């Protein structure tokens, strides 16, 4: 029986510090390499409403099959 590897990331750093985050291309390289090591990986993306476009861009560029990426951006508050 295989165990699913679940990875949660917060790819953004907020609207005020957007220049401090990793570029999308670096996230794509890192996540693709990790997926090659862990084919059963599920990706969970977290962040505030400011990261919505970033998360959508990551999902689009990764082109992974449905059910592997779970986008939780903007759904929860830290409070």
PDB file of N, CA and C in Angstrom:
ATOM      1  N   UNK A   1       0.854  -1.181   0.000  1.00  0.00           N
ATOM      2  CA  UNK A   1       0.000   0.000   0.000  1.00  0.00           C
ATOM      3  C   UNK A   1       0.894   1.236   0.000  1.00  0.00           C
ATOM      4  N   UNK A   2       0.622   2.144  -0.926  1.00  0.00           N
ATOM      5  CA  UNK A   2       1.458   3.348  -1.001  1.00  0.00           C
ATOM      6  C   UNK A   2       0.819   4.485  -0.220  1.00  0.00           C
ATOM      7  N   UNK A   3       1.660   5.315   0.316  1.00  0.00           N
ATOM      8  CA  UNK A   3       1.222   6.488   1.056  1.00  0.00           C
ATOM      9  C   UNK A   3       1.353   7.701   0.145  1.00  0.00           C
ATOM     10  N   UNK A   4       0.326   8.530   0.130  1.00  0.00           N
ATOM     11  CA  UNK A   4       0.367   9.738  -0.688  1.00  0.00           C
ATOM     12  C   UNK A   4       1.228  10.782   0.021  1.00  0.00           C
ATOM     13  N   UNK A   5       2.125  11.366  -0.718  1.00  0.00           N
ATOM     14  CA  UNK A   5       2.981  12.430  -0.208  1.00  0.00           C
ATOM     15  C   UNK A   5       2.251  13.746  -0.436  1.00  0.00           C
ATOM     16  N   UNK A   6       1.887  14.435   0.639  1.00  0.00           N
ATOM     17  CA  UNK A   6       1.169  15.697   0.539  1.00  0.00           C
ATOM     18  C   UNK A   6       2.124  16.839   0.841  1.00  0.00           C
ATOM     19  N   UNK A   7       2.175  17.790  -0.089  1.00  0.00           N
ATOM     20  CA  UNK A   7       3.047  18.938   0.062  1.00  0.00           C
ATOM     21  C   UNK A   7       2.208  20.205   0.056  1.00  0.00           C
ATOM     22  N   UNK A   8       2.374  21.039   1.070  1.00  0.00           N
ATOM     23  CA  UNK A   8       1.709  22.334   1.130  1.00  0.00           C
ATOM     24  C   UNK A   8       2.727  23.440   0.920  1.00  0.00           C
ATOM     25  N   UNK A   9       2.394  24.375   0.030  1.00  0.00           N
ATOM     26  CA  UNK A   9       3.296  25.499  -0.222  1.00  0.00           C
ATOM     27  C   UNK A   9       2.529  26.814  -0.119  1.00  0.00           C
ATOM     28  N   UNK A  10       3.250  27.851   0.211  1.00  0.00           N
ATOM     29  CA  UNK A  10       2.748  29.224   0.171  1.00  0.00           C
ATOM     30  C   UNK A  10       3.701  29.951  -0.780  1.00  0.00           C
ATOM     31  N   UNK A  11       3.365  29.996  -2.066  1.00  0.00           N
ATOM     32  CA  UNK A  11       4.313  30.530  -3.047  1.00  0.00           C
ATOM     33  C   UNK A  11       4.448  32.045  -3.062  1.00  0.00           C
ATOM     34  N   UNK A  12       3.493  32.745  -2.499  1.00  0.00           N
ATOM     35  CA  UNK A  12       3.527  34.208  -2.547  1.00  0.00           C
ATOM     36  C   UNK A  12       4.040  34.812  -1.254  1.00  0.00           C
ATOM     37  N   UNK A  13       4.298  36.092  -1.306  1.00  0.00           N
ATOM     38  CA  UNK A  13       4.775  36.820  -0.128  1.00  0.00           C
ATOM     39  C   UNK A  13       3.931  38.066   0.125  1.00  0.00           C
ATOM     40  N   UNK A  14       2.770  38.131  -0.516  1.00  0.00           N
ATOM     41  CA  UNK A  14       1.881  39.273  -0.331  1.00  0.00           C
ATOM     42  C   UNK A  14       2.135  40.378  -1.341  1.00  0.00           C
ATOM     43  N   UNK A  15       1.162  41.251  -1.470  1.00  0.00           N
ATOM     44  CA  UNK A  15       1.232  42.322  -2.467  1.00  0.00           C
ATOM     45  C   UNK A  15       2.326  43.333  -2.158  1.00  0.00           C
ATOM     46  N   UNK A  16       2.600  43.568  -0.895  1.00  0.00           N
ATOM     47  CA  UNK A  16       3.579  44.595  -0.525  1.00  0.00           C
ATOM     48  C   UNK A  16       5.023  44.146  -0.725  1.00  0.00           C
ATOM     49  N   UNK A  17       5.246  42.825  -0.782  1.00  0.00           N
ATOM     50  CA  UNK A  17       6.613  42.306  -0.899  1.00  0.00           C
ATOM     51  C   UNK A  17       6.746  41.343  -2.080  1.00  0.00           C
ATOM     52  N   UNK A  18       5.971  41.551  -3.125  1.00  0.00           N
ATOM     53  CA  UNK A  18       5.968  40.637  -4.261  1.00  0.00           C
ATOM     54  C   UNK A  18       7.319  40.394  -4.897  1.00  0.00           C
ATOM     55  N   UNK A  19       8.202  41.365  -4.821  1.00  0.00           N
ATOM     56  CA  UNK A  19       9.537  41.219  -5.416  1.00  0.00           C
ATOM     57  C   UNK A  19      10.440  40.280  -4.619  1.00  0.00           C
ATOM     58  N   UNK A  20      10.022  39.876  -3.439  1.00  0.00           N
ATOM     59  CA  UNK A  20      10.861  38.999  -2.602  1.00  0.00           C
ATOM     60  C   UNK A  20      10.583  37.512  -2.820  1.00  0.00           C
ATOM     61  N   UNK A  21       9.528  37.195  -3.531  1.00  0.00           N
ATOM     62  CA  UNK A  21       9.165  35.795  -3.740  1.00  0.00           C
ATOM     63  C   UNK A  21       9.937  35.156  -4.880  1.00  0.00           C
ATOM     64  N   UNK A  22       9.881  33.833  -4.930  1.00  0.00           N
ATOM     65  CA  UNK A  22      10.497  33.111  -6.040  1.00  0.00           C
ATOM     66  C   UNK A  22       9.708  33.365  -7.316  1.00  0.00           C
ATOM     67  N   UNK A  23      10.376  33.485  -8.440  1.00  0.00           N
ATOM     68  CA  UNK A  23       9.657  33.597  -9.708  1.00  0.00           C
ATOM     69  C   UNK A  23       8.915  32.283 -10.005  1.00  0.00           C
ATOM     70  N   UNK A  24       7.859  32.389 -10.766  1.00  0.00           N
ATOM     71  CA  UNK A  24       7.064  31.205 -11.116  1.00  0.00           C
ATOM     72  C   UNK A  24       7.945  30.139 -11.756  1.00  0.00           C
ATOM     73  N   UNK A  25       8.872  30.545 -12.601  1.00  0.00           N
ATOM     74  CA  UNK A  25       9.741  29.567 -13.285  1.00  0.00           C
ATOM     75  C   UNK A  25      10.536  28.723 -12.286  1.00  0.00           C
ATOM     76  N   UNK A  26      10.968  29.320 -11.183  1.00  0.00           N
ATOM     77  CA  UNK A  26      11.709  28.569 -10.164  1.00  0.00           C
ATOM     78  C   UNK A  26      10.787  27.592  -9.428  1.00  0.00           C
ATOM     79  N   UNK A  27       9.567  28.040  -9.105  1.00  0.00           N
ATOM     80  CA  UNK A  27       8.592  27.129  -8.491  1.00  0.00           C
ATOM     81  C   UNK A  27       8.330  25.942  -9.407  1.00  0.00           C
ATOM     82  N   UNK A  28       8.178  26.189 -10.696  1.00  0.00           N
ATOM     83  CA  UNK A  28       7.889  25.122 -11.665  1.00  0.00           C
ATOM     84  C   UNK A  28       9.035  24.110 -11.682  1.00  0.00           C
ATOM     85  N   UNK A  29      10.264  24.594 -11.753  1.00  0.00           N
ATOM     86  CA  UNK A  29      11.427  23.689 -11.754  1.00  0.00           C
ATOM     87  C   UNK A  29      11.463  22.851 -10.475  1.00  0.00           C
ATOM     88  N   UNK A  30      11.316  23.506  -9.335  1.00  0.00           N
ATOM     89  CA  UNK A  30      11.406  22.828  -8.043  1.00  0.00           C
ATOM     90  C   UNK A  30      10.285  21.802  -7.890  1.00  0.00           C
ATOM     91  N   UNK A  31       9.059  22.194  -8.214  1.00  0.00           N
ATOM     92  CA  UNK A  31       7.916  21.282  -8.055  1.00  0.00           C
ATOM     93  C   UNK A  31       7.977  20.127  -9.048  1.00  0.00           C
ATOM     94  N   UNK A  32       8.446  20.381 -10.261  1.00  0.00           N
ATOM     95  CA  UNK A  32       8.583  19.313 -11.257  1.00  0.00           C
ATOM     96  C   UNK A  32       9.627  18.294 -10.808  1.00  0.00           C
ATOM     97  N   UNK A  33      10.752  18.766 -10.306  1.00  0.00           N
ATOM     98  CA  UNK A  33      11.784  17.852  -9.799  1.00  0.00           C
ATOM     99  C   UNK A  33      11.255  17.021  -8.641  1.00  0.00           C
ATOM    100  N   UNK A  34      10.537  17.650  -7.738  1.00  0.00           N
ATOM    101  CA  UNK A  34       9.985  16.935  -6.591  1.00  0.00           C
ATOM    102  C   UNK A  34       8.943  15.909  -7.030  1.00  0.00           C
ATOM    103  N   UNK A  35       8.112  16.270  -7.998  1.00  0.00           N
ATOM    104  CA  UNK A  35       7.094  15.341  -8.514  1.00  0.00           C
ATOM    105  C   UNK A  35       7.755  14.135  -9.166  1.00  0.00           C
ATOM    106  N   UNK A  36       8.894  14.349  -9.803  1.00  0.00           N
ATOM    107  CA  UNK A  36       9.619  13.227 -10.407  1.00  0.00           C
ATOM    108  C   UNK A  36      10.145  12.276  -9.332  1.00  0.00           C
ATOM    109  N   UNK A  37      10.502  12.818  -8.172  1.00  0.00           N
ATOM    110  CA  UNK A  37      10.968  11.991  -7.060  1.00  0.00           C
ATOM    111  C   UNK A  37       9.812  11.324  -6.311  1.00  0.00           C
ATOM    112  N   UNK A  38       8.682  12.011  -6.260  1.00  0.00           N
ATOM    113  CA  UNK A  38       7.496  11.544  -5.524  1.00  0.00           C
ATOM    114  C   UNK A  38       6.294  11.552  -6.471  1.00  0.00           C
ATOM    115  N   UNK A  39       6.172  10.573  -7.351  1.00  0.00           N
ATOM    116  CA  UNK A  39       5.093  10.578  -8.350  1.00  0.00           C
ATOM    117  C   UNK A  39       3.688  10.588  -7.744  1.00  0.00           C
ATOM    118  N   UNK A  40       3.556  10.119  -6.512  1.00  0.00           N
ATOM    119  CA  UNK A  40       2.241  10.066  -5.874  1.00  0.00           C
ATOM    120  C   UNK A  40       1.921  11.343  -5.096  1.00  0.00           C
ATOM    121  N   UNK A  41       2.681  12.409  -5.333  1.00  0.00           N
ATOM    122  CA  UNK A  41       2.542  13.652  -4.578  1.00  0.00           C
ATOM    123  C   UNK A  41       1.231  14.374  -4.893  1.00  0.00           C
ATOM    124  N   UNK A  42       0.645  14.945  -3.842  1.00  0.00           N
ATOM    125  CA  UNK A  42      -0.459  15.897  -3.977  1.00  0.00           C
ATOM    126  C   UNK A  42       0.080  17.257  -3.557  1.00  0.00           C
ATOM    127  N   UNK A  43      -0.254  18.280  -4.327  1.00  0.00           N
ATOM    128  CA  UNK A  43       0.206  19.631  -4.027  1.00  0.00           C
ATOM    129  C   UNK A  43      -0.965  20.463  -3.514  1.00  0.00           C
ATOM    130  N   UNK A  44      -0.757  21.099  -2.362  1.00  0.00           N
ATOM    131  CA  UNK A  44      -1.751  21.990  -1.766  1.00  0.00           C
ATOM    132  C   UNK A  44      -1.143  23.390  -1.733  1.00  0.00           C
ATOM    133  N   UNK A  45      -1.811  24.332  -2.405  1.00  0.00           N
ATOM    134  CA  UNK A  45      -1.312  25.701  -2.485  1.00  0.00           C
ATOM    135  C   UNK A  45      -2.133  26.579  -1.548  1.00  0.00           C
ATOM    136  N   UNK A  46      -1.447  27.319  -0.684  1.00  0.00           N
ATOM    137  CA  UNK A  46      -2.081  28.196   0.291  1.00  0.00           C
ATOM    138  C   UNK A  46      -1.616  29.630   0.058  1.00  0.00           C
ATOM    139  N   UNK A  47      -2.364  30.562   0.593  1.00  0.00           N
ATOM    140  CA  UNK A  47      -1.989  31.970   0.523  1.00  0.00           C
ATOM    141  C   UNK A  47      -3.215  32.842   0.632  1.00  0.00           C
ATOM    142  N   UNK A  48      -2.978  34.139   0.699  1.00  0.00           N
ATOM    143  CA  UNK A  48      -4.065  35.102   0.785  1.00  0.00           C
ATOM    144  C   UNK A  48      -4.601  35.451  -0.589  1.00  0.00           C
ATOM    145  N   UNK A  49      -5.622  36.282  -0.620  1.00  0.00           N
ATOM    146  CA  UNK A  49      -6.229  36.685  -1.888  1.00  0.00           C
ATOM    147  C   UNK A  49      -5.228  37.302  -2.872  1.00  0.00           C
ATOM    148  N   UNK A  50      -4.177  37.931  -2.360  1.00  0.00           N
ATOM    149  CA  UNK A  50      -3.172  38.534  -3.244  1.00  0.00           C
ATOM    150  C   UNK A  50      -2.413  37.498  -4.066  1.00  0.00           C
ATOM    151  N   UNK A  51      -2.441  36.249  -3.643  1.00  0.00           N
ATOM    152  CA  UNK A  51      -1.707  35.193  -4.347  1.00  0.00           C
ATOM    153  C   UNK A  51      -2.572  34.427  -5.351  1.00  0.00           C
ATOM    154  N   UNK A  52      -3.804  34.860  -5.580  1.00  0.00           N
ATOM    155  CA  UNK A  52      -4.714  34.140  -6.476  1.00  0.00           C
ATOM    156  C   UNK A  52      -4.135  33.971  -7.869  1.00  0.00           C
ATOM    157  N   UNK A  53      -3.656  35.061  -8.466  1.00  0.00           N
ATOM    158  CA  UNK A  53      -3.112  34.975  -9.828  1.00  0.00           C
ATOM    159  C   UNK A  53      -1.851  34.123  -9.881  1.00  0.00           C
ATOM    160  N   UNK A  54      -1.025  34.226  -8.864  1.00  0.00           N
ATOM    161  CA  UNK A  54       0.192  33.414  -8.797  1.00  0.00           C
ATOM    162  C   UNK A  54      -0.157  31.927  -8.760  1.00  0.00           C
ATOM    163  N   UNK A  55      -1.109  31.557  -7.927  1.00  0.00           N
ATOM    164  CA  UNK A  55      -1.520  30.150  -7.825  1.00  0.00           C
ATOM    165  C   UNK A  55      -2.093  29.654  -9.149  1.00  0.00           C
ATOM    166  N   UNK A  56      -2.921  30.466  -9.776  1.00  0.00           N
ATOM    167  CA  UNK A  56      -3.509  30.073 -11.060  1.00  0.00           C
ATOM    168  C   UNK A  56      -2.433  29.891 -12.129  1.00  0.00           C
ATOM    169  N   UNK A  57      -1.428  30.753 -12.114  1.00  0.00           N
ATOM    170  CA  UNK A  57      -0.327  30.631 -13.075  1.00  0.00           C
ATOM    171  C   UNK A  57       0.473  29.350 -12.833  1.00  0.00           C
ATOM    172  N   UNK A  58       0.748  29.053 -11.567  1.00  0.00           N
ATOM    173  CA  UNK A  58       1.458  27.809 -11.245  1.00  0.00           C
ATOM    174  C   UNK A  58       0.684  26.597 -11.745  1.00  0.00           C
ATOM    175  N   UNK A  59      -0.602  26.562 -11.442  1.00  0.00           N
ATOM    176  CA  UNK A  59      -1.437  25.422 -11.834  1.00  0.00           C
ATOM    177  C   UNK A  59      -1.448  25.272 -13.349  1.00  0.00           C
ATOM    178  N   UNK A  60      -1.594  26.376 -14.052  1.00  0.00           N
ATOM    179  CA  UNK A  60      -1.635  26.337 -15.513  1.00  0.00           C
ATOM    180  C   UNK A  60      -0.318  25.833 -16.095  1.00  0.00           C
ATOM    181  N   UNK A  61       0.793  26.318 -15.570  1.00  0.00           N
ATOM    182  CA  UNK A  61       2.089  25.937 -16.127  1.00  0.00           C
ATOM    183  C   UNK A  61       2.501  24.520 -15.751  1.00  0.00           C
ATOM    184  N   UNK A  62       2.057  24.029 -14.598  1.00  0.00           N
ATOM    185  CA  UNK A  62       2.415  22.665 -14.203  1.00  0.00           C
ATOM    186  C   UNK A  62       1.716  21.628 -15.075  1.00  0.00           C
ATOM    187  N   UNK A  63       0.503  21.914 -15.502  1.00  0.00           N
ATOM    188  CA  UNK A  63      -0.247  21.008 -16.385  1.00  0.00           C
ATOM    189  C   UNK A  63      -0.319  19.587 -15.836  1.00  0.00           C
ATOM    190  N   UNK A  64      -0.508  19.448 -14.541  1.00  0.00           N
ATOM    191  CA  UNK A  64      -0.638  18.126 -13.937  1.00  0.00           C
ATOM    192  C   UNK A  64      -2.078  17.652 -14.050  1.00  0.00           C
ATOM    193  N   UNK A  65      -2.302  16.340 -14.026  1.00  0.00           N
ATOM    194  CA  UNK A  65      -3.670  15.814 -14.118  1.00  0.00           C
ATOM    195  C   UNK A  65      -4.562  16.317 -12.976  1.00  0.00           C
ATOM    196  N   UNK A  66      -5.837  16.329 -13.238  1.00  0.00           N
ATOM    197  CA  UNK A  66      -6.825  16.762 -12.247  1.00  0.00           C
ATOM    198  C   UNK A  66      -6.716  15.940 -10.963  1.00  0.00           C
ATOM    199  N   UNK A  67      -6.916  16.590  -9.827  1.00  0.00           N
ATOM    200  CA  UNK A  67      -6.899  15.903  -8.544  1.00  0.00           C
ATOM    201  C   UNK A  67      -5.560  15.898  -7.836  1.00  0.00           C
ATOM    202  N   UNK A  68      -4.522  16.344  -8.515  1.00  0.00           N
ATOM    203  CA  UNK A  68      -3.189  16.358  -7.907  1.00  0.00           C
ATOM    204  C   UNK A  68      -2.934  17.687  -7.197  1.00  0.00           C
ATOM    205  N   UNK A  69      -3.433  18.783  -7.781  1.00  0.00           N
ATOM    206  CA  UNK A  69      -3.229  20.103  -7.202  1.00  0.00           C
ATOM    207  C   UNK A  69      -4.519  20.571  -6.543  1.00  0.00           C
ATOM    208  N   UNK A  70      -4.394  21.038  -5.311  1.00  0.00           N
ATOM    209  CA  UNK A  70      -5.529  21.547  -4.549  1.00  0.00           C
ATOM    210  C   UNK A  70      -5.240  23.004  -4.215  1.00  0.00           C
ATOM    211  N   UNK A  71      -6.047  23.898  -4.789  1.00  0.00           N
ATOM    212  CA  UNK A  71      -5.837  25.329  -4.619  1.00  0.00           C
ATOM    213  C   UNK A  71      -6.698  25.845  -3.468  1.00  0.00           C
ATOM    214  N   UNK A  72      -6.050  26.229  -2.368  1.00  0.00           N
ATOM    215  CA  UNK A  72      -6.740  26.742  -1.186  1.00  0.00           C
ATOM    216  C   UNK A  72      -6.519  28.248  -1.014  1.00  0.00           C
ATOM    217  N   UNK A  73      -5.929  28.889  -2.011  1.00  0.00           N
ATOM    218  CA  UNK A  73      -5.578  30.308  -1.917  1.00  0.00           C
ATOM    219  C   UNK A  73      -6.834  31.150  -1.698  1.00  0.00           C
ATOM    220  N   UNK A  74      -6.748  32.018  -0.688  1.00  0.00           N
ATOM    221  CA  UNK A  74      -7.833  32.939  -0.381  1.00  0.00           C
ATOM    222  C   UNK A  74      -9.013  32.330   0.335  1.00  0.00           C
ATOM    223  N   UNK A  75      -8.933  31.043   0.674  1.00  0.00           N
ATOM    224  CA  UNK A  75     -10.073  30.368   1.289  1.00  0.00           C
ATOM    225  C   UNK A  75     -10.100  30.474   2.795  1.00  0.00           C
ATOM    226  N   UNK A  76      -8.963  30.704   3.405  1.00  0.00           N
ATOM    227  CA  UNK A  76      -8.889  30.755   4.852  1.00  0.00           C
ATOM    228  C   UNK A  76      -8.202  32.012   5.327  1.00  0.00           C
ATOM    229  N   UNK A  77      -8.525  32.404   6.513  1.00  0.00           N
ATOM    230  CA  UNK A  77      -7.884  33.546   7.152  1.00  0.00           C
ATOM    231  C   UNK A  77      -6.958  33.014   8.244  1.00  0.00           C
ATOM    232  N   UNK A  78      -5.895  33.724   8.510  1.00  0.00           N
ATOM    233  CA  UNK A  78      -4.985  33.312   9.577  1.00  0.00           C
ATOM    234  C   UNK A  78      -5.684  33.409  10.946  1.00  0.00           C
ATOM    235  N   UNK A  79      -6.696  34.227  11.027  1.00  0.00           N
ATOM    236  CA  UNK A  79      -7.455  34.348  12.257  1.00  0.00           C
ATOM    237  C   UNK A  79      -8.324  33.141  12.459  1.00  0.00           C
TER     238      UNK A  79
END
